[in-house]
Protein backbone atom coordinates (compact mmCIF):
# COMPACT_ATOMS: atom_id res chain seq x y z
CA MET A 1 -59.35 -34.32 -61.21
CA HIS A 2 -56.27 -35.82 -59.64
CA LEU A 3 -53.49 -34.03 -57.79
CA ILE A 4 -50.18 -35.84 -58.25
CA GLU A 5 -47.21 -34.99 -56.02
CA ILE A 6 -43.63 -36.04 -56.73
CA PHE A 7 -41.02 -35.79 -53.96
CA VAL A 8 -37.51 -35.39 -55.44
CA PRO A 9 -34.32 -35.06 -53.34
CA LEU A 10 -31.96 -32.13 -53.72
CA ALA A 11 -28.91 -34.32 -53.01
CA ASP A 12 -27.87 -37.94 -53.41
CA ASN A 13 -27.40 -40.34 -50.52
CA ASP A 14 -23.80 -39.12 -50.05
CA GLY A 15 -24.96 -35.51 -49.69
CA SER A 16 -23.80 -34.28 -53.12
CA ARG A 17 -26.36 -31.86 -54.56
CA PHE A 18 -27.80 -32.67 -57.95
CA PRO A 19 -27.18 -30.12 -60.72
CA GLN A 20 -29.99 -27.58 -61.02
CA ASP A 21 -30.70 -28.69 -64.58
CA TYR A 22 -31.85 -32.11 -63.26
CA HIS A 23 -34.70 -30.37 -61.46
CA GLU A 24 -35.33 -27.97 -64.32
CA ARG A 25 -35.76 -30.98 -66.63
CA VAL A 26 -38.37 -32.52 -64.29
CA ARG A 27 -40.24 -29.22 -64.11
CA GLN A 28 -40.25 -28.81 -67.91
CA GLU A 29 -41.26 -32.43 -68.58
CA LEU A 30 -44.23 -32.13 -66.23
CA ALA A 31 -45.27 -28.73 -67.61
CA ASP A 32 -45.09 -30.04 -71.17
CA ARG A 33 -47.13 -33.16 -70.43
CA PHE A 34 -49.75 -31.70 -68.07
CA GLY A 35 -49.93 -28.08 -69.20
CA GLY A 36 -48.57 -26.77 -65.92
CA VAL A 37 -46.65 -27.66 -62.79
CA THR A 38 -46.19 -26.21 -59.33
CA ALA A 39 -42.77 -26.66 -57.74
CA TYR A 40 -41.59 -25.76 -54.26
CA PRO A 41 -37.81 -25.34 -54.77
CA ARG A 42 -37.01 -22.37 -52.50
CA ALA A 43 -38.42 -23.82 -49.31
CA PRO A 44 -37.52 -27.49 -49.58
CA ALA A 45 -39.46 -30.01 -47.60
CA SER A 46 -37.43 -32.00 -45.13
CA GLY A 47 -38.12 -35.72 -44.82
CA LEU A 48 -37.02 -38.11 -42.09
CA TRP A 49 -37.29 -41.87 -41.99
CA LYS A 50 -35.90 -44.71 -39.90
CA LEU A 51 -33.34 -46.96 -41.53
CA SER A 52 -33.11 -48.98 -38.33
CA PRO A 53 -34.12 -48.45 -34.69
CA SER A 54 -30.93 -46.44 -34.12
CA GLU A 55 -30.39 -44.76 -37.52
CA THR A 56 -32.41 -41.94 -39.09
CA GLN A 57 -31.97 -40.59 -42.63
CA GLN A 58 -32.89 -37.05 -43.71
CA ASP A 59 -33.52 -35.61 -47.17
CA ASP A 60 -34.26 -32.11 -48.37
CA LEU A 61 -36.81 -32.38 -51.15
CA VAL A 62 -38.46 -30.41 -53.90
CA VAL A 63 -42.15 -31.21 -54.23
CA TYR A 64 -43.69 -31.02 -57.69
CA GLU A 65 -47.46 -30.97 -58.18
CA VAL A 66 -49.54 -31.46 -61.30
CA MET A 67 -53.27 -31.74 -61.93
CA ALA A 68 -54.62 -34.35 -64.33
CA GLU A 69 -58.12 -35.28 -65.41
CA THR A 70 -57.23 -38.97 -65.52
CA LEU A 71 -54.66 -40.99 -63.61
CA ASP A 72 -52.46 -43.09 -65.91
CA GLU A 73 -50.88 -45.32 -63.27
CA ALA A 74 -48.69 -47.18 -65.77
CA TRP A 75 -47.21 -43.92 -67.07
CA TRP A 76 -46.58 -42.69 -63.53
CA ALA A 77 -44.91 -45.95 -62.51
CA ASP A 78 -42.59 -45.70 -65.52
CA TYR A 79 -41.84 -42.02 -64.88
CA ARG A 80 -41.11 -42.77 -61.19
CA ARG A 81 -38.60 -45.46 -62.25
CA GLN A 82 -36.95 -42.98 -64.64
CA LEU A 83 -36.61 -40.40 -61.85
CA GLU A 84 -35.27 -43.05 -59.46
CA SER A 85 -32.54 -43.81 -61.98
CA VAL A 86 -31.65 -40.15 -62.66
CA PHE A 87 -31.67 -39.21 -58.96
CA ARG A 88 -30.02 -42.49 -57.87
CA GLN A 89 -32.76 -43.45 -55.42
CA GLU A 90 -34.11 -46.84 -54.42
CA LYS A 91 -37.60 -45.38 -54.29
CA LEU A 92 -39.16 -41.97 -54.88
CA LEU A 93 -42.51 -41.05 -53.46
CA VAL A 94 -45.16 -40.25 -56.04
CA ARG A 95 -48.67 -39.98 -54.68
CA ALA A 96 -52.04 -39.07 -56.12
CA GLN A 97 -55.34 -38.04 -54.67
CA GLN A 98 -58.67 -37.29 -56.21
CA VAL A 99 -59.69 -33.66 -55.77
CA ASN A 100 -62.77 -31.61 -56.46
CA LEU A 101 -62.24 -28.20 -57.99
CA LEU A 102 -64.41 -25.57 -56.36
């Protein structure tokens, strides 16, 4: 099994929050495709990264998780590009790891 995590910002780069239905659409798309999804919307993750040695950017994020028996990297690359367009991001983090169910 694979655990796939998608990190999606709550606001654009200017600080304007995305409409709630943007996130609801992601949640529904993932649930429909993978039979379930876990989302962490009420306690957003906070990400920091360096734009330059003197400038730091911060994002509040919702993390979505799905489990899949196989990892279709082409599909995930396409879906990541779709989300980058919708959420007006240069790059969204989508990561996968192989997991063993106990």
